[in-house]
Amino acid sequence: MYDVVKNAQENDLFLGMTSQCIDGRVRMTVYESGRDLLELGITPLENMTPETSLVKAMWALGNSKDIDQVSH
């Protein structure tokens, strides 16, 4: 999995982490694997649902091609 993340970053792709829980929140610092993903540059999307994060990413990418601007 980490190789896929590294490859995505080498190709300037945005990667975000969401929760599948309806009332859930992403807490990537709780477990070692989450901390590893943070170090690799995964952006925690807090309490956004996967559907909401997809729509927001599509809007952001439609308005900017700058990966740094899109990921913040």
PDB file of N, CA and C in Angstrom:
ATOM      1  N   MET A   1       0.819  -1.188   0.000  1.00  0.00           N
ATOM      2  CA  MET A   1       0.000   0.000   0.000  1.00  0.00           C
ATOM      3  C   MET A   1       0.866   1.256   0.000  1.00  0.00           C
ATOM      4  N   TYR A   2       1.939   1.257   0.775  1.00  0.00           N
ATOM      5  CA  TYR A   2       2.784   2.443   0.856  1.00  0.00           C
ATOM      6  C   TYR A   2       3.434   2.753  -0.490  1.00  0.00           C
ATOM      7  N   ASP A   3       3.741   1.726  -1.268  1.00  0.00           N
ATOM      8  CA  ASP A   3       4.320   1.955  -2.595  1.00  0.00           C
ATOM      9  C   ASP A   3       3.336   2.691  -3.499  1.00  0.00           C
ATOM     10  N   VAL A   4       2.064   2.362  -3.382  1.00  0.00           N
ATOM     11  CA  VAL A   4       1.028   3.031  -4.179  1.00  0.00           C
ATOM     12  C   VAL A   4       0.958   4.507  -3.789  1.00  0.00           C
ATOM     13  N   VAL A   5       1.026   4.787  -2.498  1.00  0.00           N
ATOM     14  CA  VAL A   5       0.977   6.170  -2.017  1.00  0.00           C
ATOM     15  C   VAL A   5       2.196   6.940  -2.512  1.00  0.00           C
ATOM     16  N   LYS A   6       3.368   6.337  -2.392  1.00  0.00           N
ATOM     17  CA  LYS A   6       4.595   6.996  -2.858  1.00  0.00           C
ATOM     18  C   LYS A   6       4.532   7.258  -4.358  1.00  0.00           C
ATOM     19  N   ASN A   7       4.035   6.303  -5.119  1.00  0.00           N
ATOM     20  CA  ASN A   7       3.909   6.468  -6.565  1.00  0.00           C
ATOM     21  C   ASN A   7       2.937   7.599  -6.906  1.00  0.00           C
ATOM     22  N   ALA A   8       1.844   7.671  -6.182  1.00  0.00           N
ATOM     23  CA  ALA A   8       0.864   8.737  -6.416  1.00  0.00           C
ATOM     24  C   ALA A   8       1.483  10.103  -6.151  1.00  0.00           C
ATOM     25  N   GLN A   9       2.264  10.202  -5.089  1.00  0.00           N
ATOM     26  CA  GLN A   9       2.896  11.482  -4.774  1.00  0.00           C
ATOM     27  C   GLN A   9       3.941  11.861  -5.813  1.00  0.00           C
ATOM     28  N   GLU A  10       4.674  10.889  -6.309  1.00  0.00           N
ATOM     29  CA  GLU A  10       5.663  11.166  -7.352  1.00  0.00           C
ATOM     30  C   GLU A  10       4.993  11.712  -8.609  1.00  0.00           C
ATOM     31  N   ASN A  11       3.723  11.365  -8.793  1.00  0.00           N
ATOM     32  CA  ASN A  11       2.963  11.836  -9.951  1.00  0.00           C
ATOM     33  C   ASN A  11       2.057  13.019  -9.609  1.00  0.00           C
ATOM     34  N   ASP A  12       2.334  13.672  -8.465  1.00  0.00           N
ATOM     35  CA  ASP A  12       1.590  14.861  -8.021  1.00  0.00           C
ATOM     36  C   ASP A  12       0.090  14.632  -7.922  1.00  0.00           C
ATOM     37  N   LEU A  13      -0.309  13.487  -7.378  1.00  0.00           N
ATOM     38  CA  LEU A  13      -1.725  13.208  -7.153  1.00  0.00           C
ATOM     39  C   LEU A  13      -2.096  13.547  -5.715  1.00  0.00           C
ATOM     40  N   PHE A  14      -3.292  14.075  -5.531  1.00  0.00           N
ATOM     41  CA  PHE A  14      -3.794  14.371  -4.194  1.00  0.00           C
ATOM     42  C   PHE A  14      -4.389  13.104  -3.592  1.00  0.00           C
ATOM     43  N   LEU A  15      -4.027  12.801  -2.351  1.00  0.00           N
ATOM     44  CA  LEU A  15      -4.596  11.655  -1.642  1.00  0.00           C
ATOM     45  C   LEU A  15      -5.157  12.132  -0.309  1.00  0.00           C
ATOM     46  N   GLY A  16      -6.427  11.838  -0.083  1.00  0.00           N
ATOM     47  CA  GLY A  16      -7.076  12.204   1.165  1.00  0.00           C
ATOM     48  C   GLY A  16      -7.682  10.979   1.824  1.00  0.00           C
ATOM     49  N   MET A  17      -7.821  11.037   3.145  1.00  0.00           N
ATOM     50  CA  MET A  17      -8.363   9.917   3.919  1.00  0.00           C
ATOM     51  C   MET A  17      -9.685  10.329   4.544  1.00  0.00           C
ATOM     52  N   THR A  18     -10.730   9.545   4.289  1.00  0.00           N
ATOM     53  CA  THR A  18     -12.038   9.783   4.897  1.00  0.00           C
ATOM     54  C   THR A  18     -12.420   8.583   5.756  1.00  0.00           C
ATOM     55  N   SER A  19     -13.508   8.736   6.485  1.00  0.00           N
ATOM     56  CA  SER A  19     -14.046   7.650   7.292  1.00  0.00           C
ATOM     57  C   SER A  19     -15.295   7.096   6.619  1.00  0.00           C
ATOM     58  N   GLN A  20     -15.543   5.809   6.796  1.00  0.00           N
ATOM     59  CA  GLN A  20     -16.766   5.214   6.266  1.00  0.00           C
ATOM     60  C   GLN A  20     -17.922   5.329   7.251  1.00  0.00           C
ATOM     61  N   CYS A  21     -17.627   5.768   8.471  1.00  0.00           N
ATOM     62  CA  CYS A  21     -18.666   5.909   9.492  1.00  0.00           C
ATOM     63  C   CYS A  21     -19.505   7.151   9.227  1.00  0.00           C
ATOM     64  N   ILE A  22     -20.799   7.052   9.426  1.00  0.00           N
ATOM     65  CA  ILE A  22     -21.702   8.174   9.184  1.00  0.00           C
ATOM     66  C   ILE A  22     -21.340   9.364  10.068  1.00  0.00           C
ATOM     67  N   ASP A  23     -21.100   9.126  11.337  1.00  0.00           N
ATOM     68  CA  ASP A  23     -20.730  10.194  12.261  1.00  0.00           C
ATOM     69  C   ASP A  23     -19.258  10.106  12.642  1.00  0.00           C
ATOM     70  N   GLY A  24     -18.458   9.499  11.787  1.00  0.00           N
ATOM     71  CA  GLY A  24     -17.053   9.279  12.114  1.00  0.00           C
ATOM     72  C   GLY A  24     -16.157  10.448  11.775  1.00  0.00           C
ATOM     73  N   ARG A  25     -14.958  10.392  12.291  1.00  0.00           N
ATOM     74  CA  ARG A  25     -13.929  11.393  12.044  1.00  0.00           C
ATOM     75  C   ARG A  25     -12.614  10.641  11.862  1.00  0.00           C
ATOM     76  N   VAL A  26     -11.799  11.123  10.952  1.00  0.00           N
ATOM     77  CA  VAL A  26     -10.503  10.504  10.717  1.00  0.00           C
ATOM     78  C   VAL A  26      -9.532  10.982  11.786  1.00  0.00           C
ATOM     79  N   ARG A  27      -8.958  10.046  12.524  1.00  0.00           N
ATOM     80  CA  ARG A  27      -7.945  10.358  13.539  1.00  0.00           C
ATOM     81  C   ARG A  27      -6.706   9.535  13.202  1.00  0.00           C
ATOM     82  N   MET A  28      -5.886  10.101  12.349  1.00  0.00           N
ATOM     83  CA  MET A  28      -4.763   9.345  11.804  1.00  0.00           C
ATOM     84  C   MET A  28      -3.581   9.229  12.761  1.00  0.00           C
ATOM     85  N   THR A  29      -3.627   9.922  13.888  1.00  0.00           N
ATOM     86  CA  THR A  29      -2.508   9.849  14.823  1.00  0.00           C
ATOM     87  C   THR A  29      -2.675   8.742  15.859  1.00  0.00           C
ATOM     88  N   VAL A  30      -3.808   8.062  15.860  1.00  0.00           N
ATOM     89  CA  VAL A  30      -4.084   7.045  16.874  1.00  0.00           C
ATOM     90  C   VAL A  30      -3.238   5.788  16.662  1.00  0.00           C
ATOM     91  N   TYR A  31      -3.149   5.320  15.435  1.00  0.00           N
ATOM     92  CA  TYR A  31      -2.431   4.082  15.148  1.00  0.00           C
ATOM     93  C   TYR A  31      -1.195   4.356  14.299  1.00  0.00           C
ATOM     94  N   GLU A  32      -0.242   3.459  14.390  1.00  0.00           N
ATOM     95  CA  GLU A  32       1.023   3.616  13.670  1.00  0.00           C
ATOM     96  C   GLU A  32       0.822   3.725  12.160  1.00  0.00           C
ATOM     97  N   SER A  33      -0.080   2.926  11.609  1.00  0.00           N
ATOM     98  CA  SER A  33      -0.300   2.978  10.155  1.00  0.00           C
ATOM     99  C   SER A  33      -0.829   4.347   9.727  1.00  0.00           C
ATOM    100  N   GLY A  34      -1.672   4.957  10.532  1.00  0.00           N
ATOM    101  CA  GLY A  34      -2.165   6.297  10.235  1.00  0.00           C
ATOM    102  C   GLY A  34      -1.053   7.329  10.290  1.00  0.00           C
ATOM    103  N   ARG A  35      -0.185   7.206  11.295  1.00  0.00           N
ATOM    104  CA  ARG A  35       0.951   8.125  11.398  1.00  0.00           C
ATOM    105  C   ARG A  35       1.891   7.956  10.215  1.00  0.00           C
ATOM    106  N   ASP A  36       2.082   6.709   9.776  1.00  0.00           N
ATOM    107  CA  ASP A  36       2.919   6.456   8.593  1.00  0.00           C
ATOM    108  C   ASP A  36       2.334   7.139   7.362  1.00  0.00           C
ATOM    109  N   LEU A  37       1.022   7.042   7.204  1.00  0.00           N
ATOM    110  CA  LEU A  37       0.369   7.666   6.050  1.00  0.00           C
ATOM    111  C   LEU A  37       0.449   9.188   6.116  1.00  0.00           C
ATOM    112  N   LEU A  38       0.359   9.751   7.316  1.00  0.00           N
ATOM    113  CA  LEU A  38       0.530  11.198   7.466  1.00  0.00           C
ATOM    114  C   LEU A  38       1.920  11.622   7.019  1.00  0.00           C
ATOM    115  N   GLU A  39       2.922  10.844   7.424  1.00  0.00           N
ATOM    116  CA  GLU A  39       4.300  11.151   7.032  1.00  0.00           C
ATOM    117  C   GLU A  39       4.486  11.067   5.524  1.00  0.00           C
ATOM    118  N   LEU A  40       3.706  10.210   4.876  1.00  0.00           N
ATOM    119  CA  LEU A  40       3.792  10.082   3.421  1.00  0.00           C
ATOM    120  C   LEU A  40       3.015  11.182   2.699  1.00  0.00           C
ATOM    121  N   GLY A  41       2.263  11.977   3.448  1.00  0.00           N
ATOM    122  CA  GLY A  41       1.573  13.109   2.835  1.00  0.00           C
ATOM    123  C   GLY A  41       0.084  12.952   2.615  1.00  0.00           C
ATOM    124  N   ILE A  42      -0.519  11.904   3.158  1.00  0.00           N
ATOM    125  CA  ILE A  42      -1.971  11.754   3.060  1.00  0.00           C
ATOM    126  C   ILE A  42      -2.638  12.883   3.846  1.00  0.00           C
ATOM    127  N   THR A  43      -3.667  13.480   3.283  1.00  0.00           N
ATOM    128  CA  THR A  43      -4.391  14.561   3.948  1.00  0.00           C
ATOM    129  C   THR A  43      -5.618  13.994   4.655  1.00  0.00           C
ATOM    130  N   PRO A  44      -5.695  14.134   5.994  1.00  0.00           N
ATOM    131  CA  PRO A  44      -6.903  13.680   6.685  1.00  0.00           C
ATOM    132  C   PRO A  44      -8.058  14.624   6.373  1.00  0.00           C
ATOM    133  N   LEU A  45      -9.181  14.080   5.975  1.00  0.00           N
ATOM    134  CA  LEU A  45     -10.331  14.896   5.592  1.00  0.00           C
ATOM    135  C   LEU A  45     -11.362  14.990   6.711  1.00  0.00           C
ATOM    136  N   GLU A  46     -10.875  14.781   7.928  1.00  0.00           N
ATOM    137  CA  GLU A  46     -11.656  14.967   9.154  1.00  0.00           C
ATOM    138  C   GLU A  46     -12.997  14.251   9.109  1.00  0.00           C
ATOM    139  N   ASN A  47     -14.114  14.988   9.140  1.00  0.00           N
ATOM    140  CA  ASN A  47     -15.427  14.339   9.229  1.00  0.00           C
ATOM    141  C   ASN A  47     -16.198  14.363   7.911  1.00  0.00           C
ATOM    142  N   MET A  48     -15.510  14.575   6.796  1.00  0.00           N
ATOM    143  CA  MET A  48     -16.187  14.549   5.489  1.00  0.00           C
ATOM    144  C   MET A  48     -16.518  13.115   5.098  1.00  0.00           C
ATOM    145  N   THR A  49     -17.674  12.940   4.508  1.00  0.00           N
ATOM    146  CA  THR A  49     -18.004  11.629   3.960  1.00  0.00           C
ATOM    147  C   THR A  49     -17.203  11.434   2.672  1.00  0.00           C
ATOM    148  N   PRO A  50     -17.024  10.188   2.252  1.00  0.00           N
ATOM    149  CA  PRO A  50     -16.315   9.960   0.984  1.00  0.00           C
ATOM    150  C   PRO A  50     -16.967  10.689  -0.190  1.00  0.00           C
ATOM    151  N   GLU A  51     -18.293  10.737  -0.207  1.00  0.00           N
ATOM    152  CA  GLU A  51     -19.003  11.393  -1.308  1.00  0.00           C
ATOM    153  C   GLU A  51     -18.746  12.906  -1.315  1.00  0.00           C
ATOM    154  N   THR A  52     -18.794  13.511  -0.141  1.00  0.00           N
ATOM    155  CA  THR A  52     -18.537  14.946  -0.034  1.00  0.00           C
ATOM    156  C   THR A  52     -17.107  15.272  -0.429  1.00  0.00           C
ATOM    157  N   SER A  53     -16.166  14.465   0.034  1.00  0.00           N
ATOM    158  CA  SER A  53     -14.762  14.731  -0.298  1.00  0.00           C
ATOM    159  C   SER A  53     -14.515  14.582  -1.799  1.00  0.00           C
ATOM    160  N   LEU A  54     -15.186  13.639  -2.444  1.00  0.00           N
ATOM    161  CA  LEU A  54     -15.040  13.471  -3.889  1.00  0.00           C
ATOM    162  C   LEU A  54     -15.547  14.704  -4.636  1.00  0.00           C
ATOM    163  N   VAL A  55     -16.732  15.187  -4.258  1.00  0.00           N
ATOM    164  CA  VAL A  55     -17.302  16.358  -4.926  1.00  0.00           C
ATOM    165  C   VAL A  55     -16.415  17.584  -4.702  1.00  0.00           C
ATOM    166  N   LYS A  56     -15.923  17.764  -3.482  1.00  0.00           N
ATOM    167  CA  LYS A  56     -15.052  18.911  -3.203  1.00  0.00           C
ATOM    168  C   LYS A  56     -13.735  18.804  -3.972  1.00  0.00           C
ATOM    169  N   ALA A  57     -13.191  17.604  -4.072  1.00  0.00           N
ATOM    170  CA  ALA A  57     -11.953  17.412  -4.841  1.00  0.00           C
ATOM    171  C   ALA A  57     -12.189  17.700  -6.319  1.00  0.00           C
ATOM    172  N   MET A  58     -13.326  17.264  -6.843  1.00  0.00           N
ATOM    173  CA  MET A  58     -13.643  17.528  -8.250  1.00  0.00           C
ATOM    174  C   MET A  58     -13.781  19.028  -8.492  1.00  0.00           C
ATOM    175  N   TRP A  59     -14.429  19.735  -7.570  1.00  0.00           N
ATOM    176  CA  TRP A  59     -14.568  21.182  -7.709  1.00  0.00           C
ATOM    177  C   TRP A  59     -13.199  21.855  -7.655  1.00  0.00           C
ATOM    178  N   ALA A  60     -12.379  21.472  -6.660  1.00  0.00           N
ATOM    179  CA  ALA A  60     -11.058  22.091  -6.505  1.00  0.00           C
ATOM    180  C   ALA A  60     -10.183  21.836  -7.724  1.00  0.00           C
ATOM    181  N   LEU A  61     -10.183  20.614  -8.222  1.00  0.00           N
ATOM    182  CA  LEU A  61      -9.362  20.291  -9.394  1.00  0.00           C
ATOM    183  C   LEU A  61      -9.892  20.957 -10.659  1.00  0.00           C
ATOM    184  N   GLY A  62     -11.185  21.221 -10.698  1.00  0.00           N
ATOM    185  CA  GLY A  62     -11.753  21.931 -11.836  1.00  0.00           C
ATOM    186  C   GLY A  62     -11.409  23.406 -11.844  1.00  0.00           C
ATOM    187  N   ASN A  63     -11.003  23.914 -10.677  1.00  0.00           N
ATOM    188  CA  ASN A  63     -10.684  25.334 -10.553  1.00  0.00           C
ATOM    189  C   ASN A  63      -9.194  25.619 -10.411  1.00  0.00           C
ATOM    190  N   SER A  64      -8.376  24.582 -10.239  1.00  0.00           N
ATOM    191  CA  SER A  64      -6.934  24.780 -10.103  1.00  0.00           C
ATOM    192  C   SER A  64      -6.209  23.482 -10.417  1.00  0.00           C
ATOM    193  N   LYS A  65      -5.091  23.593 -11.076  1.00  0.00           N
ATOM    194  CA  LYS A  65      -4.251  22.422 -11.346  1.00  0.00           C
ATOM    195  C   LYS A  65      -3.055  22.369 -10.395  1.00  0.00           C
ATOM    196  N   ASP A  66      -2.974  23.335  -9.466  1.00  0.00           N
ATOM    197  CA  ASP A  66      -1.880  23.409  -8.499  1.00  0.00           C
ATOM    198  C   ASP A  66      -2.188  22.474  -7.332  1.00  0.00           C
ATOM    199  N   ILE A  67      -1.453  21.376  -7.221  1.00  0.00           N
ATOM    200  CA  ILE A  67      -1.728  20.357  -6.198  1.00  0.00           C
ATOM    201  C   ILE A  67      -1.614  20.930  -4.790  1.00  0.00           C
ATOM    202  N   ASP A  68      -0.691  21.871  -4.569  1.00  0.00           N
ATOM    203  CA  ASP A  68      -0.551  22.470  -3.242  1.00  0.00           C
ATOM    204  C   ASP A  68      -1.777  23.301  -2.882  1.00  0.00           C
ATOM    205  N   GLN A  69      -2.336  23.995  -3.836  1.00  0.00           N
ATOM    206  CA  GLN A  69      -3.533  24.796  -3.594  1.00  0.00           C
ATOM    207  C   GLN A  69      -4.747  23.893  -3.368  1.00  0.00           C
ATOM    208  N   VAL A  70      -4.840  22.818  -4.095  1.00  0.00           N
ATOM    209  CA  VAL A  70      -5.971  21.895  -3.978  1.00  0.00           C
ATOM    210  C   VAL A  70      -5.950  21.166  -2.643  1.00  0.00           C
ATOM    211  N   SER A  71      -4.781  20.827  -2.142  1.00  0.00           N
ATOM    212  CA  SER A  71      -4.698  20.006  -0.937  1.00  0.00           C
ATOM    213  C   SER A  71      -4.812  20.806   0.352  1.00  0.00           C
ATOM    214  N   HIS A  72      -4.993  22.119   0.265  1.00  0.00           N
ATOM    215  CA  HIS A  72      -5.119  22.914   1.495  1.00  0.00           C
ATOM    216  C   HIS A  72      -6.372  23.723   1.514  1.00  0.00           C
TER     217      HIS A  72
END
